Amino acid sequence: MKTCARAFVLSAFVAVHAPVLSQQVLPGLDTELLISALKAPSGEVLGELGGPHAAAIKAATRSTQPVNVQVRVVRPLAQEGCARLQVDIRQGGVPTLAGTLVDVQLPSIQLNICADGEPPLDGPRGMESGPFMSSSIGGK
């Protein structure tokens, strides 16, 4: 039950910060990590979330383990050098009431980004339109 409550707190954290996330891509996450996923042969990179947002997650979960980030290309977009990315944020070592440690995953975030770090052009210019950013629980 307590683990579910912590997962809810983390979900609420993401929901509250969604406006900030859409303006700054993802606070505490180096934009270079996102761009690296675009350029990686596998289309996937791993990294670590830093800064005050990582500290807030660690405080909410009561875990000192790193907040890990996996970024992968979902699909390329019509504009050259741009893709839809999925960002998964996980943390291990989260204590439960039973005294065990579990892994927690925040809702997955998807966003459109180009190799220059900017969102792609869309709409009237003939490029793919759609949300710049969305989120889901469990990567669905």
N, C-alpha and C. Protein backbone atom coordinates (compact mmCIF):
# COMPACT_ATOMS: atom_id res chain seq x y z
N MET A 1 0.83 -1.19 0.00
CA MET A 1 0.00 0.00 0.00
C MET A 1 0.87 1.25 0.00
N LYS A 2 1.89 1.27 0.86
CA LYS A 2 2.77 2.43 0.95
C LYS A 2 3.51 2.65 -0.38
N THR A 3 3.92 1.54 -1.04
CA THR A 3 4.60 1.67 -2.33
C THR A 3 3.66 2.28 -3.35
N CYS A 4 2.37 1.87 -3.33
CA CYS A 4 1.39 2.46 -4.24
C CYS A 4 1.24 3.95 -3.96
N ALA A 5 1.24 4.32 -2.68
CA ALA A 5 1.13 5.73 -2.32
C ALA A 5 2.33 6.51 -2.84
N ARG A 6 3.51 5.94 -2.75
CA ARG A 6 4.70 6.63 -3.26
C ARG A 6 4.65 6.74 -4.78
N ALA A 7 4.17 5.69 -5.44
CA ALA A 7 4.04 5.75 -6.90
C ALA A 7 3.03 6.83 -7.28
N PHE A 8 1.95 6.97 -6.49
CA PHE A 8 0.97 8.01 -6.74
C PHE A 8 1.59 9.39 -6.56
N VAL A 9 2.40 9.56 -5.52
CA VAL A 9 3.08 10.83 -5.29
C VAL A 9 3.97 11.18 -6.48
N LEU A 10 4.69 10.18 -7.00
CA LEU A 10 5.56 10.43 -8.15
C LEU A 10 4.73 10.78 -9.39
N SER A 11 3.60 10.10 -9.57
CA SER A 11 2.72 10.41 -10.70
C SER A 11 2.18 11.83 -10.57
N ALA A 12 1.78 12.21 -9.36
CA ALA A 12 1.29 13.56 -9.12
C ALA A 12 2.39 14.59 -9.37
N PHE A 13 3.62 14.25 -8.98
CA PHE A 13 4.77 15.13 -9.22
C PHE A 13 4.90 15.43 -10.71
N VAL A 14 4.81 14.39 -11.53
CA VAL A 14 4.92 14.56 -12.99
C VAL A 14 3.76 15.39 -13.50
N ALA A 15 2.53 15.11 -13.02
CA ALA A 15 1.36 15.84 -13.49
C ALA A 15 1.45 17.32 -13.15
N VAL A 16 1.88 17.64 -11.94
CA VAL A 16 2.00 19.04 -11.51
C VAL A 16 3.06 19.77 -12.31
N HIS A 17 4.13 19.07 -12.65
CA HIS A 17 5.23 19.70 -13.37
C HIS A 17 5.10 19.61 -14.88
N ALA A 18 3.98 19.09 -15.40
CA ALA A 18 3.83 18.93 -16.85
C ALA A 18 4.02 20.24 -17.62
N PRO A 19 3.46 21.39 -17.15
CA PRO A 19 3.71 22.63 -17.90
C PRO A 19 5.20 22.97 -17.97
N VAL A 20 5.91 22.75 -16.89
CA VAL A 20 7.35 23.02 -16.89
C VAL A 20 8.06 22.03 -17.80
N LEU A 21 7.64 20.78 -17.76
CA LEU A 21 8.26 19.75 -18.60
C LEU A 21 8.15 20.12 -20.07
N SER A 22 6.98 20.63 -20.48
CA SER A 22 6.81 20.93 -21.90
C SER A 22 7.65 22.12 -22.33
N GLN A 23 7.99 23.01 -21.40
CA GLN A 23 8.81 24.17 -21.75
C GLN A 23 10.30 23.86 -21.70
N GLN A 24 10.70 22.98 -20.82
CA GLN A 24 12.12 22.70 -20.62
C GLN A 24 12.50 21.29 -21.05
N VAL A 25 11.70 20.64 -21.84
CA VAL A 25 11.84 19.26 -22.25
C VAL A 25 11.69 18.35 -21.03
N LEU A 26 12.62 18.29 -20.15
CA LEU A 26 12.50 17.51 -18.92
C LEU A 26 13.52 18.06 -17.93
N PRO A 27 13.07 18.76 -16.88
CA PRO A 27 14.00 19.36 -15.94
C PRO A 27 14.95 18.33 -15.34
N GLY A 28 16.20 18.70 -15.23
CA GLY A 28 17.20 17.82 -14.64
C GLY A 28 17.76 16.80 -15.61
N LEU A 29 17.16 16.70 -16.79
CA LEU A 29 17.64 15.77 -17.80
C LEU A 29 18.37 16.56 -18.87
N ASP A 30 19.60 16.21 -19.10
CA ASP A 30 20.41 16.88 -20.09
C ASP A 30 19.82 16.67 -21.48
N THR A 31 19.55 17.76 -22.20
CA THR A 31 19.02 17.65 -23.55
C THR A 31 19.93 16.82 -24.43
N GLU A 32 21.21 16.82 -24.13
CA GLU A 32 22.16 16.02 -24.91
C GLU A 32 21.83 14.53 -24.84
N LEU A 33 21.26 14.09 -23.72
CA LEU A 33 20.85 12.69 -23.61
C LEU A 33 19.74 12.38 -24.61
N LEU A 34 18.80 13.31 -24.75
CA LEU A 34 17.73 13.14 -25.73
C LEU A 34 18.29 13.09 -27.15
N ILE A 35 19.18 14.02 -27.44
CA ILE A 35 19.78 14.09 -28.78
C ILE A 35 20.63 12.86 -29.03
N SER A 36 21.29 12.35 -28.00
CA SER A 36 22.11 11.14 -28.15
C SER A 36 21.26 9.95 -28.59
N ALA A 37 20.03 9.87 -28.09
CA ALA A 37 19.14 8.78 -28.51
C ALA A 37 18.83 8.88 -30.00
N LEU A 38 18.67 10.11 -30.49
CA LEU A 38 18.42 10.30 -31.92
C LEU A 38 19.58 9.79 -32.77
N LYS A 39 20.79 9.97 -32.25
CA LYS A 39 21.99 9.63 -33.01
C LYS A 39 22.51 8.22 -32.75
N ALA A 40 22.05 7.58 -31.68
CA ALA A 40 22.55 6.24 -31.31
C ALA A 40 22.11 5.20 -32.34
N PRO A 41 23.01 4.31 -32.76
CA PRO A 41 22.64 3.26 -33.72
C PRO A 41 21.46 2.42 -33.23
N SER A 42 21.40 2.19 -31.92
CA SER A 42 20.31 1.38 -31.36
C SER A 42 19.05 2.21 -31.13
N GLY A 43 19.18 3.55 -31.18
CA GLY A 43 18.05 4.43 -30.91
C GLY A 43 17.70 4.50 -29.43
N GLU A 44 18.65 4.12 -28.58
CA GLU A 44 18.38 4.07 -27.14
C GLU A 44 19.62 4.46 -26.36
N VAL A 45 19.43 5.25 -25.30
CA VAL A 45 20.52 5.61 -24.40
C VAL A 45 20.02 5.56 -22.95
N LEU A 46 20.97 5.40 -22.05
CA LEU A 46 20.67 5.38 -20.62
C LEU A 46 21.42 6.52 -19.95
N GLY A 47 20.84 7.10 -18.91
CA GLY A 47 21.49 8.17 -18.19
C GLY A 47 20.91 8.29 -16.79
N GLU A 48 21.21 9.41 -16.14
CA GLU A 48 20.76 9.63 -14.77
C GLU A 48 20.16 11.03 -14.66
N LEU A 49 19.00 11.13 -14.01
CA LEU A 49 18.36 12.41 -13.76
C LEU A 49 19.10 13.09 -12.61
N GLY A 50 19.34 14.38 -12.74
CA GLY A 50 20.04 15.12 -11.70
C GLY A 50 19.25 16.33 -11.24
N GLY A 51 19.88 17.12 -10.40
CA GLY A 51 19.29 18.38 -9.97
C GLY A 51 18.18 18.25 -8.95
N PRO A 52 17.44 19.34 -8.75
CA PRO A 52 16.40 19.36 -7.72
C PRO A 52 15.26 18.39 -7.97
N HIS A 53 14.98 18.07 -9.24
CA HIS A 53 13.90 17.13 -9.53
C HIS A 53 14.28 15.72 -9.09
N ALA A 54 15.53 15.34 -9.29
CA ALA A 54 16.00 14.04 -8.80
C ALA A 54 15.96 14.01 -7.27
N ALA A 55 16.34 15.12 -6.65
CA ALA A 55 16.31 15.20 -5.19
C ALA A 55 14.88 15.07 -4.67
N ALA A 56 13.92 15.67 -5.37
CA ALA A 56 12.51 15.58 -4.95
C ALA A 56 12.00 14.14 -5.08
N ILE A 57 12.39 13.46 -6.14
CA ILE A 57 11.99 12.06 -6.31
C ILE A 57 12.60 11.21 -5.20
N LYS A 58 13.88 11.43 -4.92
CA LYS A 58 14.54 10.66 -3.86
C LYS A 58 13.89 10.91 -2.50
N ALA A 59 13.49 12.14 -2.25
CA ALA A 59 12.82 12.45 -0.98
C ALA A 59 11.45 11.76 -0.91
N ALA A 60 10.72 11.75 -2.02
CA ALA A 60 9.40 11.12 -2.05
C ALA A 60 9.48 9.61 -1.88
N THR A 61 10.51 9.00 -2.44
CA THR A 61 10.63 7.54 -2.38
C THR A 61 11.43 7.05 -1.17
N ARG A 62 12.15 7.96 -0.53
CA ARG A 62 13.04 7.61 0.58
C ARG A 62 14.14 6.64 0.13
N SER A 63 14.55 6.78 -1.10
CA SER A 63 15.64 5.96 -1.64
C SER A 63 16.79 6.87 -2.02
N THR A 64 17.99 6.42 -1.74
CA THR A 64 19.18 7.18 -2.13
C THR A 64 19.75 6.69 -3.46
N GLN A 65 19.10 5.70 -4.05
CA GLN A 65 19.57 5.16 -5.33
C GLN A 65 19.43 6.22 -6.42
N PRO A 66 20.25 6.15 -7.48
CA PRO A 66 20.13 7.12 -8.57
C PRO A 66 18.78 7.00 -9.27
N VAL A 67 18.34 8.11 -9.83
CA VAL A 67 17.12 8.14 -10.63
C VAL A 67 17.56 7.93 -12.07
N ASN A 68 17.29 6.74 -12.59
CA ASN A 68 17.77 6.36 -13.92
C ASN A 68 16.79 6.74 -15.01
N VAL A 69 17.34 7.10 -16.15
CA VAL A 69 16.55 7.53 -17.29
C VAL A 69 16.92 6.68 -18.50
N GLN A 70 15.91 6.18 -19.20
CA GLN A 70 16.10 5.47 -20.46
C GLN A 70 15.36 6.27 -21.53
N VAL A 71 16.06 6.63 -22.59
CA VAL A 71 15.47 7.37 -23.70
C VAL A 71 15.58 6.51 -24.94
N ARG A 72 14.44 6.33 -25.63
CA ARG A 72 14.48 5.53 -26.86
C ARG A 72 13.62 6.19 -27.94
N VAL A 73 14.03 5.96 -29.18
CA VAL A 73 13.27 6.47 -30.32
C VAL A 73 12.04 5.59 -30.51
N VAL A 74 10.87 6.21 -30.53
CA VAL A 74 9.62 5.50 -30.80
C VAL A 74 9.44 5.38 -32.31
N ARG A 75 9.63 6.52 -33.00
CA ARG A 75 9.52 6.52 -34.47
C ARG A 75 10.11 7.82 -35.00
N PRO A 76 10.66 7.76 -36.20
CA PRO A 76 11.12 9.00 -36.83
C PRO A 76 9.92 9.85 -37.24
N LEU A 77 10.12 11.14 -37.32
CA LEU A 77 9.08 12.06 -37.78
C LEU A 77 9.36 12.48 -39.21
N ALA A 78 8.39 13.13 -39.82
CA ALA A 78 8.52 13.54 -41.22
C ALA A 78 9.69 14.50 -41.43
N GLN A 79 9.94 15.37 -40.46
CA GLN A 79 11.03 16.33 -40.58
C GLN A 79 12.36 15.61 -40.33
N GLU A 80 13.29 15.78 -41.24
CA GLU A 80 14.59 15.11 -41.13
C GLU A 80 15.29 15.47 -39.82
N GLY A 81 15.87 14.45 -39.18
CA GLY A 81 16.61 14.65 -37.93
C GLY A 81 15.72 14.75 -36.70
N CYS A 82 14.43 14.48 -36.86
CA CYS A 82 13.48 14.58 -35.75
C CYS A 82 12.84 13.23 -35.48
N ALA A 83 12.46 13.01 -34.23
CA ALA A 83 11.83 11.74 -33.86
C ALA A 83 10.94 11.93 -32.64
N ARG A 84 10.05 10.97 -32.46
CA ARG A 84 9.27 10.86 -31.24
C ARG A 84 10.08 10.00 -30.29
N LEU A 85 10.35 10.51 -29.09
CA LEU A 85 11.13 9.79 -28.09
C LEU A 85 10.25 9.40 -26.92
N GLN A 86 10.61 8.29 -26.29
CA GLN A 86 9.98 7.91 -25.02
C GLN A 86 11.03 7.98 -23.94
N VAL A 87 10.67 8.62 -22.84
CA VAL A 87 11.56 8.76 -21.69
C VAL A 87 10.95 7.98 -20.53
N ASP A 88 11.69 7.00 -20.03
CA ASP A 88 11.26 6.21 -18.88
C ASP A 88 12.18 6.54 -17.71
N ILE A 89 11.58 6.85 -16.57
CA ILE A 89 12.34 7.21 -15.37
C ILE A 89 12.06 6.16 -14.30
N ARG A 90 13.13 5.59 -13.78
CA ARG A 90 13.01 4.52 -12.78
C ARG A 90 13.97 4.79 -11.62
N GLN A 91 13.59 4.24 -10.48
CA GLN A 91 14.48 4.28 -9.32
C GLN A 91 14.35 2.97 -8.56
N GLY A 92 15.48 2.42 -8.20
CA GLY A 92 15.49 1.19 -7.41
C GLY A 92 15.68 1.49 -5.94
N GLY A 93 15.59 0.46 -5.14
CA GLY A 93 15.86 0.59 -3.72
C GLY A 93 14.84 1.39 -2.95
N VAL A 94 13.57 1.36 -3.39
CA VAL A 94 12.52 2.09 -2.70
C VAL A 94 11.96 1.19 -1.59
N PRO A 95 12.06 1.63 -0.32
CA PRO A 95 11.61 0.78 0.78
C PRO A 95 10.09 0.66 0.86
N THR A 96 9.62 -0.53 1.25
CA THR A 96 8.20 -0.77 1.48
C THR A 96 7.97 -0.92 2.98
N LEU A 97 6.70 -0.96 3.38
CA LEU A 97 6.38 -1.18 4.79
C LEU A 97 6.85 -2.54 5.27
N ALA A 98 6.89 -3.51 4.36
CA ALA A 98 7.33 -4.86 4.71
C ALA A 98 8.84 -4.95 4.88
N GLY A 99 9.53 -3.86 4.59
CA GLY A 99 10.98 -3.85 4.75
C GLY A 99 11.74 -4.32 3.52
N THR A 100 11.03 -4.58 2.44
CA THR A 100 11.70 -4.97 1.20
C THR A 100 11.98 -3.73 0.37
N LEU A 101 12.84 -3.89 -0.61
CA LEU A 101 13.16 -2.79 -1.53
C LEU A 101 12.60 -3.14 -2.91
N VAL A 102 11.96 -2.17 -3.54
CA VAL A 102 11.36 -2.39 -4.85
C VAL A 102 11.82 -1.32 -5.83
N ASP A 103 11.60 -1.58 -7.11
CA ASP A 103 11.85 -0.60 -8.15
C ASP A 103 10.55 0.15 -8.44
N VAL A 104 10.66 1.44 -8.70
CA VAL A 104 9.51 2.27 -9.02
C VAL A 104 9.75 2.92 -10.38
N GLN A 105 8.70 2.95 -11.21
CA GLN A 105 8.80 3.63 -12.51
C GLN A 105 7.75 4.73 -12.56
N LEU A 106 8.16 5.92 -12.96
CA LEU A 106 7.24 7.03 -13.17
C LEU A 106 6.49 6.81 -14.48
N PRO A 107 5.39 7.53 -14.69
CA PRO A 107 4.71 7.43 -15.99
C PRO A 107 5.67 7.77 -17.12
N SER A 108 5.59 7.01 -18.20
CA SER A 108 6.44 7.29 -19.36
C SER A 108 6.05 8.62 -19.98
N ILE A 109 7.05 9.29 -20.53
CA ILE A 109 6.84 10.57 -21.20
C ILE A 109 7.28 10.42 -22.64
N GLN A 110 6.46 10.90 -23.57
CA GLN A 110 6.87 10.92 -24.98
C GLN A 110 6.89 12.36 -25.45
N LEU A 111 7.88 12.66 -26.28
CA LEU A 111 7.99 14.00 -26.83
C LEU A 111 8.62 13.96 -28.21
N ASN A 112 8.35 14.99 -28.98
CA ASN A 112 8.95 15.15 -30.30
C ASN A 112 10.12 16.11 -30.18
N ILE A 113 11.26 15.73 -30.75
CA ILE A 113 12.45 16.58 -30.66
C ILE A 113 13.31 16.35 -31.90
N CYS A 114 14.07 17.38 -32.24
CA CYS A 114 14.99 17.30 -33.38
C CYS A 114 16.43 17.33 -32.88
N ALA A 115 17.34 17.01 -33.77
CA ALA A 115 18.77 16.93 -33.42
C ALA A 115 19.32 18.27 -32.93
N ASP A 116 18.64 19.39 -33.23
CA ASP A 116 19.10 20.69 -32.74
C ASP A 116 18.54 21.00 -31.34
N GLY A 117 17.77 20.06 -30.77
CA GLY A 117 17.21 20.24 -29.44
C GLY A 117 15.86 20.94 -29.42
N GLU A 118 15.36 21.34 -30.57
CA GLU A 118 14.08 22.03 -30.67
C GLU A 118 12.98 21.07 -31.11
N PRO A 119 11.71 21.40 -30.80
CA PRO A 119 10.62 20.58 -31.33
C PRO A 119 10.53 20.76 -32.84
N PRO A 120 9.98 19.78 -33.55
CA PRO A 120 9.88 19.90 -35.00
C PRO A 120 8.83 20.93 -35.41
N LEU A 121 8.95 21.39 -36.65
CA LEU A 121 7.93 22.24 -37.24
C LEU A 121 6.71 21.35 -37.45
N ASP A 122 5.51 21.94 -37.44
CA ASP A 122 4.34 21.10 -37.70
C ASP A 122 3.24 21.91 -38.34
N GLY A 123 2.10 21.26 -38.54
CA GLY A 123 0.90 21.91 -39.02
C GLY A 123 0.98 22.39 -40.45
N PRO A 124 0.78 23.70 -40.67
CA PRO A 124 0.64 24.23 -42.02
C PRO A 124 1.87 24.02 -42.90
N ARG A 125 3.01 23.76 -42.31
CA ARG A 125 4.21 23.57 -43.11
C ARG A 125 4.28 22.15 -43.67
N GLY A 126 3.28 21.33 -43.38
CA GLY A 126 3.24 19.99 -43.95
C GLY A 126 3.96 18.94 -43.15
N MET A 127 4.50 19.30 -42.00
CA MET A 127 5.18 18.32 -41.17
C MET A 127 4.14 17.64 -40.28
N GLU A 128 4.56 16.55 -39.66
CA GLU A 128 3.64 15.81 -38.81
C GLU A 128 3.16 16.69 -37.67
N SER A 129 1.86 16.72 -37.49
CA SER A 129 1.33 17.45 -36.35
C SER A 129 0.98 16.46 -35.26
N GLY A 130 0.77 16.96 -34.08
CA GLY A 130 0.45 16.10 -32.95
C GLY A 130 1.04 16.70 -31.71
N PRO A 131 0.81 16.07 -30.57
CA PRO A 131 1.30 16.66 -29.33
C PRO A 131 2.82 16.67 -29.27
N PHE A 132 3.35 17.77 -28.76
CA PHE A 132 4.80 17.86 -28.53
C PHE A 132 5.17 16.86 -27.46
N MET A 133 4.28 16.68 -26.49
CA MET A 133 4.61 15.85 -25.35
C MET A 133 3.36 15.17 -24.81
N SER A 134 3.51 13.94 -24.35
CA SER A 134 2.41 13.22 -23.69
C SER A 134 3.02 12.31 -22.64
N SER A 135 2.16 11.80 -21.77
CA SER A 135 2.67 10.86 -20.77
C SER A 135 1.68 9.73 -20.59
N SER A 136 2.19 8.62 -20.09
CA SER A 136 1.35 7.46 -19.81
C SER A 136 1.98 6.68 -18.67
N ILE A 137 1.18 5.89 -18.03
CA ILE A 137 1.68 5.05 -16.94
C ILE A 137 2.03 3.69 -17.51
N GLY A 138 3.21 3.21 -17.15
CA GLY A 138 3.63 1.88 -17.56
C GLY A 138 4.10 1.78 -18.99
N GLY A 139 4.42 2.91 -19.62
CA GLY A 139 4.99 2.89 -20.96
C GLY A 139 4.00 2.54 -22.05
N LYS A 140 2.70 2.64 -21.78
CA LYS A 140 1.70 2.30 -22.79
C LYS A 140 1.25 3.52 -23.54
